[in-house]
Each structure stands twice: as C-alpha cells, then as structure tokens.
N, C-alpha and C. Protein backbone atom coordinates (compact mmCIF):
# COMPACT_ATOMS: atom_id res chain seq x y z
N MET A 1 19.22 -194.94 -42.57
CA MET A 1 19.69 -194.25 -43.63
C MET A 1 18.89 -195.75 -44.13
N LYS A 2 18.86 -195.44 -45.34
CA LYS A 2 18.72 -196.55 -46.61
C LYS A 2 20.24 -197.11 -47.47
N ILE A 3 20.09 -198.17 -47.08
CA ILE A 3 21.22 -198.25 -48.30
C ILE A 3 20.81 -199.41 -49.52
N LEU A 4 21.11 -199.73 -50.99
CA LEU A 4 21.27 -200.11 -51.27
C LEU A 4 22.61 -200.78 -52.16
N ILE A 5 22.84 -202.28 -51.86
CA ILE A 5 24.22 -202.80 -52.32
C ILE A 5 23.58 -204.12 -53.25
N LEU A 6 24.33 -203.57 -54.00
CA LEU A 6 24.28 -204.14 -55.66
C LEU A 6 25.68 -205.23 -55.95
N GLU A 7 25.93 -206.01 -55.47
CA GLU A 7 27.79 -207.05 -55.38
C GLU A 7 26.66 -208.79 -55.90
N ASP A 8 27.48 -209.58 -56.96
CA ASP A 8 27.33 -210.64 -57.49
C ASP A 8 28.22 -211.44 -57.00
N ASP A 9 29.54 -210.74 -56.02
CA ASP A 9 30.11 -211.29 -55.26
C ASP A 9 29.78 -212.16 -54.07
N VAL A 10 29.79 -213.31 -53.72
CA VAL A 10 28.79 -213.77 -52.18
C VAL A 10 29.59 -212.89 -51.45
N HIS A 11 31.15 -213.24 -50.74
CA HIS A 11 31.87 -212.87 -50.40
C HIS A 11 32.03 -211.85 -49.90
N LEU A 12 31.98 -210.98 -51.23
CA LEU A 12 32.10 -209.71 -50.61
C LEU A 12 30.95 -208.66 -50.84
N LEU A 13 30.19 -209.32 -50.82
CA LEU A 13 28.12 -208.82 -50.39
C LEU A 13 28.11 -209.18 -49.12
N LYS A 14 28.72 -210.64 -48.53
CA LYS A 14 28.36 -210.42 -46.86
C LYS A 14 29.21 -209.94 -46.10
N VAL A 15 30.30 -209.18 -46.89
CA VAL A 15 31.21 -208.32 -46.30
C VAL A 15 30.27 -206.66 -46.48
N LEU A 16 30.11 -206.89 -47.30
CA LEU A 16 29.32 -204.85 -47.54
C LEU A 16 28.17 -205.32 -46.72
N ILE A 17 27.41 -206.28 -46.63
CA ILE A 17 25.46 -206.51 -45.51
C ILE A 17 26.40 -205.61 -43.83
N ARG A 18 27.71 -206.77 -43.78
CA ARG A 18 27.85 -206.74 -42.32
C ARG A 18 28.34 -205.24 -42.10
N VAL A 19 29.41 -205.07 -43.17
CA VAL A 19 29.82 -203.43 -42.39
C VAL A 19 28.58 -202.22 -42.10
N MET A 20 27.68 -202.34 -43.85
CA MET A 20 26.38 -201.50 -43.86
C MET A 20 25.59 -201.84 -43.25
N SER A 21 25.69 -202.63 -41.98
CA SER A 21 24.17 -203.19 -41.18
C SER A 21 24.17 -202.43 -40.18
N LYS A 22 25.19 -201.50 -39.64
CA LYS A 22 25.30 -200.71 -39.24
C LYS A 22 25.35 -199.45 -39.19
N TYR A 23 25.08 -198.96 -40.59
CA TYR A 23 24.77 -197.47 -41.03
C TYR A 23 23.07 -197.56 -41.40
N GLY A 24 22.43 -198.65 -41.27
CA GLY A 24 20.72 -198.59 -41.71
C GLY A 24 20.01 -199.53 -42.47
N GLU A 25 19.03 -199.39 -42.19
CA GLU A 25 18.65 -200.53 -43.18
C GLU A 25 18.88 -200.49 -44.61
N TYR A 26 19.37 -202.23 -45.26
CA TYR A 26 19.76 -202.27 -46.21
C TYR A 26 18.52 -202.89 -47.58
N TYR A 27 19.30 -203.27 -48.49
CA TYR A 27 18.24 -204.41 -49.66
C TYR A 27 19.55 -204.57 -50.09
N ALA A 28 20.32 -205.86 -50.55
CA ALA A 28 20.95 -206.42 -51.29
C ALA A 28 20.51 -207.28 -52.38
N THR A 29 21.24 -206.85 -53.24
CA THR A 29 20.84 -207.85 -54.70
C THR A 29 22.10 -208.13 -55.01
N ASP A 30 22.32 -209.37 -55.89
CA ASP A 30 22.89 -209.89 -58.04
C ASP A 30 23.26 -209.10 -58.44
N ASN A 31 21.94 -208.70 -59.00
CA ASN A 31 20.83 -208.19 -60.10
C ASN A 31 20.97 -207.03 -60.32
N GLY A 32 21.20 -206.25 -61.20
CA GLY A 32 20.75 -204.98 -62.32
C GLY A 32 20.04 -204.64 -61.96
N ALA A 33 18.97 -205.37 -62.58
CA ALA A 33 17.52 -205.60 -63.26
C ALA A 33 16.71 -204.72 -62.17
N ASP A 34 16.74 -205.83 -60.70
CA ASP A 34 16.46 -206.05 -59.33
C ASP A 34 16.94 -204.41 -58.62
N ALA A 35 18.24 -204.43 -58.39
CA ALA A 35 18.49 -202.76 -57.94
C ALA A 35 17.84 -202.19 -58.58
N VAL A 36 17.41 -201.46 -59.94
CA VAL A 36 16.61 -200.55 -60.70
C VAL A 36 15.47 -200.98 -59.98
N ARG A 37 15.16 -201.46 -60.42
CA ARG A 37 13.05 -202.35 -59.56
C ARG A 37 12.95 -201.54 -58.41
N VAL A 38 14.19 -201.58 -57.47
CA VAL A 38 13.76 -201.31 -56.09
C VAL A 38 14.32 -199.95 -55.73
N PHE A 39 15.24 -199.56 -56.83
CA PHE A 39 15.75 -198.30 -56.27
C PHE A 39 13.90 -197.35 -56.24
N ASP A 40 13.91 -197.54 -58.27
CA ASP A 40 12.51 -197.19 -58.27
C ASP A 40 11.15 -197.21 -57.55
N GLU A 41 10.55 -198.25 -56.86
CA GLU A 41 10.11 -198.32 -56.10
C GLU A 41 9.94 -197.19 -55.01
N ALA A 42 11.17 -197.13 -54.43
CA ALA A 42 11.26 -196.84 -52.99
C ALA A 42 11.24 -195.39 -53.57
N MET A 43 11.37 -194.83 -54.05
CA MET A 43 11.54 -193.34 -54.99
C MET A 43 9.82 -193.35 -55.10
N THR A 44 9.08 -194.38 -55.68
CA THR A 44 7.83 -193.49 -55.67
C THR A 44 7.48 -193.80 -54.62
N ASP A 45 7.67 -194.54 -53.92
CA ASP A 45 7.30 -194.59 -52.01
C ASP A 45 7.23 -193.82 -51.14
N GLY A 46 8.97 -192.77 -51.66
CA GLY A 46 8.62 -191.50 -50.66
C GLY A 46 10.41 -191.83 -49.82
N GLU A 47 10.39 -193.18 -50.24
CA GLU A 47 11.10 -193.69 -49.08
C GLU A 47 12.53 -194.17 -49.57
N PRO A 48 13.48 -193.06 -50.58
CA PRO A 48 14.16 -193.01 -51.17
C PRO A 48 15.30 -193.98 -51.20
N PHE A 49 16.27 -194.48 -51.49
CA PHE A 49 18.16 -194.81 -50.83
C PHE A 49 18.70 -193.58 -50.55
N ASP A 50 19.36 -193.81 -49.47
CA ASP A 50 20.69 -192.31 -49.43
C ASP A 50 21.81 -192.95 -50.07
N VAL A 51 22.46 -194.24 -50.23
CA VAL A 51 23.33 -195.02 -49.99
C VAL A 51 23.07 -195.67 -51.07
N ALA A 52 23.60 -196.23 -52.08
CA ALA A 52 24.23 -196.67 -53.07
C ALA A 52 25.34 -197.53 -53.08
N LEU A 53 26.03 -198.86 -53.07
CA LEU A 53 26.92 -199.64 -53.44
C LEU A 53 27.14 -200.46 -54.53
N LEU A 54 27.56 -200.11 -56.28
CA LEU A 54 27.16 -200.87 -56.70
C LEU A 54 28.27 -201.62 -57.43
N ASP A 55 28.31 -202.70 -57.83
CA ASP A 55 29.48 -203.43 -58.78
C ASP A 55 29.95 -203.15 -59.73
N ILE A 56 30.13 -203.36 -60.16
CA ILE A 56 30.08 -202.40 -61.89
C ILE A 56 30.09 -203.94 -63.18
N MET A 57 31.05 -205.03 -62.93
CA MET A 57 30.93 -206.61 -63.64
C MET A 57 29.82 -206.92 -63.41
N LEU A 58 28.57 -207.16 -63.58
CA LEU A 58 27.93 -208.06 -63.72
C LEU A 58 26.96 -208.47 -64.59
N PRO A 59 26.47 -209.51 -64.34
CA PRO A 59 25.55 -210.31 -65.62
C PRO A 59 24.47 -209.59 -65.97
N GLY A 60 24.16 -209.26 -67.61
CA GLY A 60 23.17 -208.78 -68.14
C GLY A 60 23.31 -207.43 -67.39
N MET A 61 22.47 -207.14 -67.19
CA MET A 61 22.22 -205.28 -66.63
C MET A 61 23.98 -205.43 -66.09
N ASP A 62 24.96 -204.05 -66.53
CA ASP A 62 26.48 -203.37 -65.64
C ASP A 62 25.94 -202.54 -64.37
N GLY A 63 26.93 -202.45 -64.22
CA GLY A 63 26.67 -201.14 -62.50
C GLY A 63 26.77 -199.75 -63.23
N TYR A 64 27.18 -199.48 -64.78
CA TYR A 64 27.16 -197.56 -64.40
C TYR A 64 25.43 -198.18 -65.20
N GLU A 65 25.65 -199.32 -65.36
CA GLU A 65 23.82 -198.91 -66.26
C GLU A 65 23.16 -199.08 -65.34
N VAL A 66 23.22 -199.42 -64.09
CA VAL A 66 22.43 -199.26 -62.67
C VAL A 66 22.56 -197.73 -62.81
N LEU A 67 23.69 -197.33 -62.16
CA LEU A 67 23.97 -195.77 -62.32
C LEU A 67 23.27 -194.84 -63.03
N GLY A 68 23.33 -195.27 -64.30
CA GLY A 68 22.11 -194.10 -65.39
C GLY A 68 20.98 -194.20 -64.79
N TYR A 69 20.72 -195.37 -64.26
CA TYR A 69 18.97 -195.35 -64.31
C TYR A 69 18.71 -194.91 -63.49
N ILE A 70 19.99 -194.86 -61.63
CA ILE A 70 19.25 -194.57 -61.22
C ILE A 70 19.52 -192.92 -61.05
N ARG A 71 20.24 -192.41 -61.49
CA ARG A 71 20.45 -190.57 -61.68
C ARG A 71 19.13 -190.67 -63.23
N ARG A 72 18.37 -191.58 -63.89
CA ARG A 72 16.69 -191.26 -64.37
C ARG A 72 16.13 -190.67 -63.37
N ILE A 73 15.87 -191.77 -62.32
CA ILE A 73 14.78 -192.22 -61.76
C ILE A 73 14.59 -190.87 -60.41
N GLU A 74 15.73 -190.33 -60.39
CA GLU A 74 16.17 -189.02 -58.96
C GLU A 74 15.43 -188.28 -59.85
N ALA A 75 15.82 -187.77 -61.24
CA ALA A 75 15.64 -186.54 -62.38
C ALA A 75 14.12 -186.25 -62.08
N THR A 76 13.10 -188.30 -62.69
CA THR A 76 12.07 -187.29 -62.97
C THR A 76 11.59 -187.23 -61.47
N HIS A 77 11.46 -187.76 -60.46
CA HIS A 77 11.41 -187.70 -58.81
C HIS A 77 11.25 -186.04 -58.37
N LYS A 78 12.85 -185.49 -58.97
CA LYS A 78 13.26 -184.06 -59.07
C LYS A 78 14.03 -184.47 -57.45
N ARG A 79 14.85 -185.29 -57.50
CA ARG A 79 15.73 -185.70 -55.86
C ARG A 79 16.32 -185.72 -56.79
N ASP A 80 17.89 -184.14 -56.95
CA ASP A 80 18.97 -184.47 -58.53
C ASP A 80 20.26 -183.89 -57.26
N GLY A 81 20.95 -184.08 -57.88
CA GLY A 81 22.18 -183.12 -57.38
C GLY A 81 22.59 -184.19 -55.65
N LEU A 82 22.55 -182.83 -54.67
CA LEU A 82 23.37 -183.02 -53.54
C LEU A 82 22.04 -183.97 -53.07
N ASP A 83 20.60 -183.93 -53.58
CA ASP A 83 19.85 -185.00 -52.51
C ASP A 83 19.92 -186.19 -53.55
N GLY A 84 20.35 -186.39 -54.42
CA GLY A 84 20.07 -187.03 -54.51
C GLY A 84 21.00 -188.22 -53.50
N ALA A 85 20.97 -190.10 -53.86
CA ALA A 85 21.72 -190.94 -53.46
C ALA A 85 23.01 -190.47 -53.65
N LYS A 86 24.29 -191.28 -52.66
CA LYS A 86 25.38 -191.03 -53.11
C LYS A 86 26.07 -192.42 -53.49
N VAL A 87 26.42 -192.15 -54.06
CA VAL A 87 26.94 -194.06 -55.36
C VAL A 87 28.20 -194.26 -55.23
N ILE A 88 28.52 -194.96 -54.64
CA ILE A 88 29.88 -195.47 -54.43
C ILE A 88 29.88 -196.75 -55.46
N MET A 89 31.00 -196.62 -56.41
CA MET A 89 30.91 -197.72 -57.00
C MET A 89 32.14 -198.69 -56.96
N VAL A 90 31.69 -199.93 -56.33
CA VAL A 90 32.93 -201.15 -56.04
C VAL A 90 33.31 -201.81 -56.70
N THR A 91 34.83 -201.91 -57.34
CA THR A 91 34.65 -202.87 -58.85
C THR A 91 36.07 -203.31 -58.16
N ALA A 92 36.06 -204.27 -59.32
CA ALA A 92 38.04 -204.61 -59.80
C ALA A 92 37.85 -204.09 -60.51
N LEU A 93 37.92 -203.54 -61.51
CA LEU A 93 37.80 -202.50 -62.56
C LEU A 93 38.91 -200.57 -62.07
N ASN A 94 40.37 -201.15 -62.46
CA ASN A 94 40.73 -199.67 -61.69
C ASN A 94 42.13 -199.07 -62.78
N ALA A 95 41.18 -199.52 -64.02
CA ALA A 95 41.38 -198.81 -64.84
C ALA A 95 40.86 -197.10 -65.10
N ALA A 96 41.86 -196.30 -65.21
CA ALA A 96 41.28 -194.79 -65.42
C ALA A 96 40.03 -194.61 -66.42
N LYS A 97 39.88 -194.94 -67.47
CA LYS A 97 39.17 -195.15 -68.26
C LYS A 97 37.65 -195.60 -67.21
N ASN A 98 38.22 -197.07 -66.70
CA ASN A 98 36.53 -197.35 -65.99
C ASN A 98 36.11 -196.36 -64.82
N ILE A 99 37.29 -195.57 -64.37
CA ILE A 99 36.93 -194.93 -63.52
C ILE A 99 36.08 -193.28 -63.58
N LEU A 100 37.14 -192.95 -64.90
CA LEU A 100 36.81 -191.72 -65.35
C LEU A 100 35.34 -192.07 -66.21
N HIS A 101 34.70 -193.29 -66.73
CA HIS A 101 33.73 -193.29 -67.05
C HIS A 101 32.64 -193.34 -65.96
N ALA A 102 32.81 -194.19 -64.94
CA ALA A 102 31.69 -193.38 -63.40
C ALA A 102 31.64 -192.67 -62.83
N PHE A 103 32.80 -191.58 -63.10
CA PHE A 103 31.98 -190.23 -62.32
C PHE A 103 31.47 -189.84 -63.66
N LYS A 104 31.49 -189.54 -65.17
CA LYS A 104 30.47 -189.08 -65.94
C LYS A 104 29.07 -189.87 -65.33
N GLU A 105 28.93 -191.28 -64.97
CA GLU A 105 27.48 -191.25 -65.07
C GLU A 105 27.51 -190.71 -63.34
N ASN A 106 28.75 -189.80 -63.20
CA ASN A 106 27.82 -189.64 -61.43
C ASN A 106 27.72 -189.76 -60.59
N CYS A 107 28.85 -190.78 -59.70
CA CYS A 107 28.76 -190.97 -58.75
C CYS A 107 29.46 -190.42 -58.02
N GLU A 108 29.68 -190.49 -56.55
CA GLU A 108 30.35 -190.04 -55.94
C GLU A 108 31.66 -190.49 -55.91
N ALA A 109 32.01 -192.01 -55.59
CA ALA A 109 32.93 -192.91 -55.40
C ALA A 109 33.58 -193.62 -56.23
N TYR A 110 34.87 -194.24 -55.72
CA TYR A 110 34.80 -195.17 -56.73
C TYR A 110 35.80 -196.17 -55.61
N LEU A 111 35.71 -197.04 -55.24
CA LEU A 111 36.57 -198.34 -54.06
C LEU A 111 36.84 -199.68 -55.22
N THR A 112 38.03 -199.71 -55.82
CA THR A 112 38.49 -200.31 -56.14
C THR A 112 38.91 -201.38 -55.20
N LYS A 113 38.83 -203.10 -55.57
CA LYS A 113 38.76 -204.75 -54.47
C LYS A 113 40.25 -204.88 -54.75
N PRO A 114 40.65 -205.30 -54.12
CA PRO A 114 40.25 -205.48 -53.04
C PRO A 114 40.82 -204.26 -52.28
N TYR A 115 39.02 -203.71 -51.10
CA TYR A 115 39.68 -202.34 -50.68
C TYR A 115 39.46 -203.45 -48.64
N SER A 116 39.48 -202.61 -47.87
CA SER A 116 38.99 -202.18 -46.32
C SER A 116 38.19 -202.15 -46.02
N THR A 117 37.31 -202.72 -45.30
CA THR A 117 36.75 -202.21 -44.36
C THR A 117 36.97 -200.86 -43.75
N GLN A 118 38.54 -199.89 -43.66
CA GLN A 118 38.40 -198.91 -42.61
C GLN A 118 38.22 -198.02 -44.56
N GLU A 119 38.89 -198.52 -45.46
CA GLU A 119 38.52 -197.92 -46.44
C GLU A 119 37.23 -197.16 -47.22
N LEU A 120 36.30 -199.01 -47.09
CA LEU A 120 34.89 -198.68 -47.42
C LEU A 120 34.03 -197.29 -46.34
N GLU A 121 34.82 -197.52 -45.24
CA GLU A 121 34.41 -196.91 -44.06
C GLU A 121 34.95 -194.80 -44.20
N THR A 122 36.24 -194.66 -44.62
CA THR A 122 36.25 -194.02 -44.56
C THR A 122 36.30 -192.95 -45.54
N THR A 123 35.74 -194.15 -46.58
CA THR A 123 34.91 -193.46 -47.89
C THR A 123 33.34 -192.48 -47.93
N LEU A 124 32.37 -193.23 -46.50
CA LEU A 124 31.42 -193.62 -46.41
C LEU A 124 31.75 -191.76 -45.87
N ALA A 125 32.33 -191.65 -45.09
CA ALA A 125 32.79 -190.10 -43.82
C ALA A 125 33.02 -189.36 -45.10
N SER A 126 33.38 -189.47 -46.36
CA SER A 126 34.41 -188.32 -46.80
C SER A 126 32.76 -188.04 -47.99
N LEU A 127 31.53 -188.93 -47.62
CA LEU A 127 30.45 -188.33 -48.37
C LEU A 127 29.47 -188.20 -47.18
N GLY A 128 30.01 -187.90 -46.37
CA GLY A 128 29.15 -187.45 -45.18
C GLY A 128 28.32 -187.92 -44.09
N ILE A 129 28.80 -189.76 -44.50
CA ILE A 129 28.75 -190.18 -43.94
C ILE A 129 28.94 -190.64 -42.19
N PRO A 130 29.23 -190.02 -41.38
CA PRO A 130 29.19 -190.53 -40.43
C PRO A 130 28.96 -192.09 -39.26
N LYS A 131 30.15 -192.64 -39.37
CA LYS A 131 30.62 -193.93 -38.72
C LYS A 131 29.84 -194.03 -37.19
N PRO A 132 29.21 -195.03 -36.96
CA PRO A 132 27.91 -195.23 -36.49
C PRO A 132 29.01 -195.15 -34.95
N SER A 133 27.69 -194.66 -34.22
CA SER A 133 28.62 -194.77 -32.65
C SER A 133 27.72 -196.11 -32.33
N THR A 134 29.50 -196.34 -31.54
CA THR A 134 29.70 -197.24 -31.05
C THR A 134 30.19 -197.68 -29.45
N THR A 135 29.46 -195.54 -28.97
CA THR A 135 29.45 -195.66 -27.56
C THR A 135 28.17 -196.34 -26.65
N VAL A 136 28.62 -197.10 -25.91
CA VAL A 136 27.83 -198.27 -24.50
C VAL A 136 27.66 -197.28 -23.57
N TRP A 137 26.21 -197.00 -23.02
CA TRP A 137 26.21 -195.99 -22.15
C TRP A 137 25.94 -197.56 -20.67
N ARG A 138 26.55 -197.16 -19.72
CA ARG A 138 26.34 -197.47 -18.71
C ARG A 138 25.72 -196.63 -16.99
N MET A 139 24.75 -197.52 -16.33
CA MET A 139 24.47 -197.11 -15.37
C MET A 139 25.09 -197.32 -14.19
C-alpha cells in the first residue's frame, strides 16, 4: 500500500509515520503544493497512492485545496470514486462547518486532533484497510 502524509506539526508527523509505516510505503511532507505534485507524479507513473492523510491548517495551500486537487487528478486519470485514494482529514478543526466542507470535497474520514493510535487504526479498518499482521512465525 502507498500512503501520502501531509502534516506540518513535527510531533504529529512522527506519530503518523510510525503508525503508517506498518501499513506500507509512505511519502511525508509538510507542504500542500509538494503533496499535490507527488500525488500527480505517482498517478502519472501508474503507481497511485492508496491512502492520504491530510492536515487542513497549513501555510500556503491548505488541506481542503490539496483534497480538491487530488480528486481532480484522479478524475483526469479516470481513477475516482471507489477506485480513488482513501482520504482521511487529520485536523484540530472540529466545527461542523469544517467537517462538512471536508466531506463535500470527498474525503472518506475525518479525525480531530488529538486522536489516539487506536482511533486512527479503527478509522483505517472502517475504510477496509486492515491492521498489518504482527504474527511471528516460529519453527
């Protein structure tokens, strides 16, 4: 699985990387324009992202704008709807208007900071992304 992480808080970025690295390969950035560029390149190269975790409050291009670009890029490549990336907004904004705005832009989930690792993993599972196996095989 290929994961895009957009977060400008260094501490939270480290937590997301720690958790999400168990699920697959990731690209992490604190810059919205960089996230859009990398998403577009991956789509063009035929190696699209499966999941994107987007902070909303960012300098420059915010998470809503990034989500809009992601959905337009997917539509251009005819990889949208159920075939598109699962987008989870991860933000401190918990007002109903912010949540509605994110879902109008077609995110699949919304996590309000602070959230626990368990909440993140439960959200991933609800999107059909199973927790990686931690089974240890012994001989």
